[in-house]
Protein backbone atom coordinates (compact mmCIF):
# COMPACT_ATOMS: atom_id res chain seq x y z
CA UNK A 1 116.08 89.33 183.33
CA UNK A 2 117.23 89.83 186.51
CA UNK A 3 116.99 86.26 187.27
CA UNK A 4 118.92 85.17 184.45
CA UNK A 5 121.45 87.65 185.57
CA UNK A 6 121.58 86.13 188.70
CA UNK A 7 122.01 82.59 187.60
CA UNK A 8 124.80 83.46 185.20
CA UNK A 9 126.59 84.95 188.20
CA UNK A 10 126.15 82.29 190.31
CA UNK A 11 127.48 79.70 187.31
CA UNK A 12 130.82 82.17 186.86
CA UNK A 13 131.54 82.25 190.43
CA UNK A 14 130.59 78.14 190.62
CA UNK A 15 133.56 77.93 187.45
CA UNK A 16 135.50 79.67 188.86
CA UNK A 17 135.81 78.27 192.47
CA UNK A 18 137.16 75.25 190.00
CA UNK A 19 139.58 76.55 188.16
CA UNK A 20 140.91 78.33 190.92
CA UNK A 21 140.96 75.27 192.78
CA UNK A 22 143.34 73.71 190.22
CA UNK A 23 140.59 71.94 188.05
CA UNK A 24 141.29 71.47 184.22
CA UNK A 25 137.46 72.85 183.10
CA UNK A 26 135.93 70.84 180.17
CA UNK A 27 133.43 72.27 177.77
CA UNK A 28 133.76 70.25 174.78
CA UNK A 29 133.16 66.37 174.32
CA UNK A 30 136.53 66.36 172.70
CA UNK A 31 138.11 68.08 175.78
CA UNK A 32 136.54 65.08 177.83
CA UNK A 33 138.02 62.39 175.54
CA UNK A 34 141.22 63.99 175.94
CA UNK A 35 141.44 64.72 179.41
CA UNK A 36 140.28 60.98 179.80
CA UNK A 37 142.42 59.17 178.05
CA UNK A 38 145.44 60.02 180.16
CA UNK A 39 146.92 57.45 182.04
CA UNK A 40 146.95 57.46 185.52
CA UNK A 41 144.49 58.41 188.19
CA UNK A 42 141.82 61.51 187.51
CA UNK A 43 139.21 63.00 190.18
CA UNK A 44 135.71 64.56 187.77
CA UNK A 45 133.87 66.95 189.65
CA UNK A 46 130.42 67.45 187.91
CA UNK A 47 129.48 71.02 189.05
CA UNK A 48 126.22 72.11 189.58
CA UNK A 49 124.17 74.83 190.42
CA UNK A 50 122.21 73.25 193.36
CA UNK A 51 122.08 75.16 195.93
CA UNK A 52 122.96 72.80 198.82
CA UNK A 53 124.73 69.72 197.67
CA UNK A 54 126.58 72.39 195.35
CA UNK A 55 128.14 74.60 198.08
CA UNK A 56 129.49 71.34 199.83
CA UNK A 57 131.48 69.85 197.07
CA UNK A 58 132.47 72.72 195.53
CA UNK A 59 135.05 73.37 198.94
CA UNK A 60 135.11 69.72 199.42
CA UNK A 61 136.76 69.56 195.66
CA UNK A 62 138.62 72.49 196.88
CA UNK A 63 140.07 71.48 199.93
CA UNK A 64 140.51 67.64 199.46
CA UNK A 65 143.21 68.20 197.05
CA UNK A 66 145.58 69.55 200.16
CA UNK A 67 146.65 66.09 201.19
CA UNK A 68 149.88 63.77 200.83
CA UNK A 69 147.97 61.70 198.37
CA UNK A 70 145.92 63.12 194.90
CA UNK A 71 145.27 62.07 191.39
CA UNK A 72 147.37 63.07 188.91
CA UNK A 73 144.49 64.86 186.70
CA UNK A 74 142.01 67.36 188.10
CA UNK A 75 138.93 68.04 185.74
CA UNK A 76 135.17 69.43 186.36
CA UNK A 77 132.38 69.52 183.57
CA UNK A 78 129.25 71.50 184.73
CA UNK A 79 126.39 69.74 184.46
CA UNK A 80 122.92 72.02 182.86
CA UNK A 81 125.36 74.42 181.52
CA UNK A 82 128.17 72.26 179.10
CA UNK A 83 125.72 69.25 178.16
CA UNK A 84 127.54 67.81 175.70
CA UNK A 85 130.46 67.49 177.51
CA UNK A 86 128.42 66.52 180.77
CA UNK A 87 126.73 63.96 178.43
CA UNK A 88 130.49 62.62 177.25
CA UNK A 89 132.35 62.66 180.83
CA UNK A 90 129.09 60.73 181.80
CA UNK A 91 129.37 57.50 179.01
CA UNK A 92 132.93 56.92 181.26
CA UNK A 93 130.74 56.10 184.31
CA UNK A 94 129.64 52.57 183.63
CA UNK A 95 126.57 51.85 185.33
CA UNK A 96 126.44 55.01 187.58
CA UNK A 97 123.39 56.98 187.04
CA UNK A 98 123.78 60.90 186.43
CA UNK A 99 124.59 62.76 189.60
CA UNK A 100 125.21 66.38 189.83
CA UNK A 101 126.83 67.53 191.70
CA UNK A 102 129.41 64.44 192.22
CA UNK A 103 132.89 62.83 191.98
CA UNK A 104 134.48 60.48 189.77
CA UNK A 105 137.66 58.57 190.43
CA UNK A 106 139.20 56.78 187.35
CA UNK A 107 142.14 54.88 186.72
CA UNK A 108 143.15 54.98 183.21
CA UNK A 109 139.89 56.26 181.83
CA UNK A 110 138.13 53.31 183.74
CA UNK A 111 135.88 54.20 186.33
CA UNK A 112 137.08 53.19 189.63
CA UNK A 113 134.45 54.32 192.08
CA UNK A 114 132.08 57.50 192.51
CA UNK A 115 130.50 59.69 195.21
CA UNK A 116 127.34 60.66 194.04
CA UNK A 117 124.94 63.14 194.80
CA UNK A 118 123.33 61.66 197.73
CA UNK A 119 126.90 61.07 199.23
CA UNK A 120 127.19 64.64 199.47
CA UNK A 121 124.04 66.37 200.16
CA UNK A 122 123.05 66.29 203.86
CA UNK A 123 126.91 66.07 204.79
CA UNK A 124 129.56 68.69 205.82
CA UNK A 125 131.89 69.33 203.45
CA UNK A 126 134.35 67.81 205.70
CA UNK A 127 132.27 64.29 205.27
CA UNK A 128 133.16 64.75 201.30
CA UNK A 129 136.38 65.29 202.03
CA UNK A 130 137.27 62.76 204.21
CA UNK A 131 135.03 60.47 201.82
CA UNK A 132 137.38 61.83 198.41
CA UNK A 133 140.62 61.28 200.64
CA UNK A 134 139.66 57.68 201.48
CA UNK A 135 139.76 56.96 197.65
CA UNK A 136 142.84 58.88 197.71
CA UNK A 137 144.25 56.62 199.85
CA UNK A 138 143.49 53.97 198.10
CA UNK A 139 144.12 54.56 194.80
CA UNK A 140 146.37 57.18 194.30
CA UNK A 141 150.53 57.74 195.13
CA UNK A 142 152.06 59.60 197.80
CA UNK A 143 153.56 63.24 196.62
């Protein structure tokens, strides 16, 4: 019982971190389709309670967007929590295997590239911010 309460707290904090940073939370498959059918650039943050990688990915997601080039749309799904939405969002990722936490960068609903868990775990938040901003430099317009 105490573990379940602890995990609910961890999940709540992880969700709020992304919403507070400006990411639109997608909970249902229909929300995924609506969000990813928009024109323009979209960064999808696949959130996770995974200790090490999640603790790197969330700060990177929050801070990478304070930059002169950013995606037009910021969305997040929560792997292991919102299972149907996560399954749906992964249908947009082509040949990339399921990975959480991770980031997917899409343009006009089509996958361009991903930063997978192995690109996050073992790196610092600054390293991941640099990876994200490199993608933004290549594919986003200046503000």
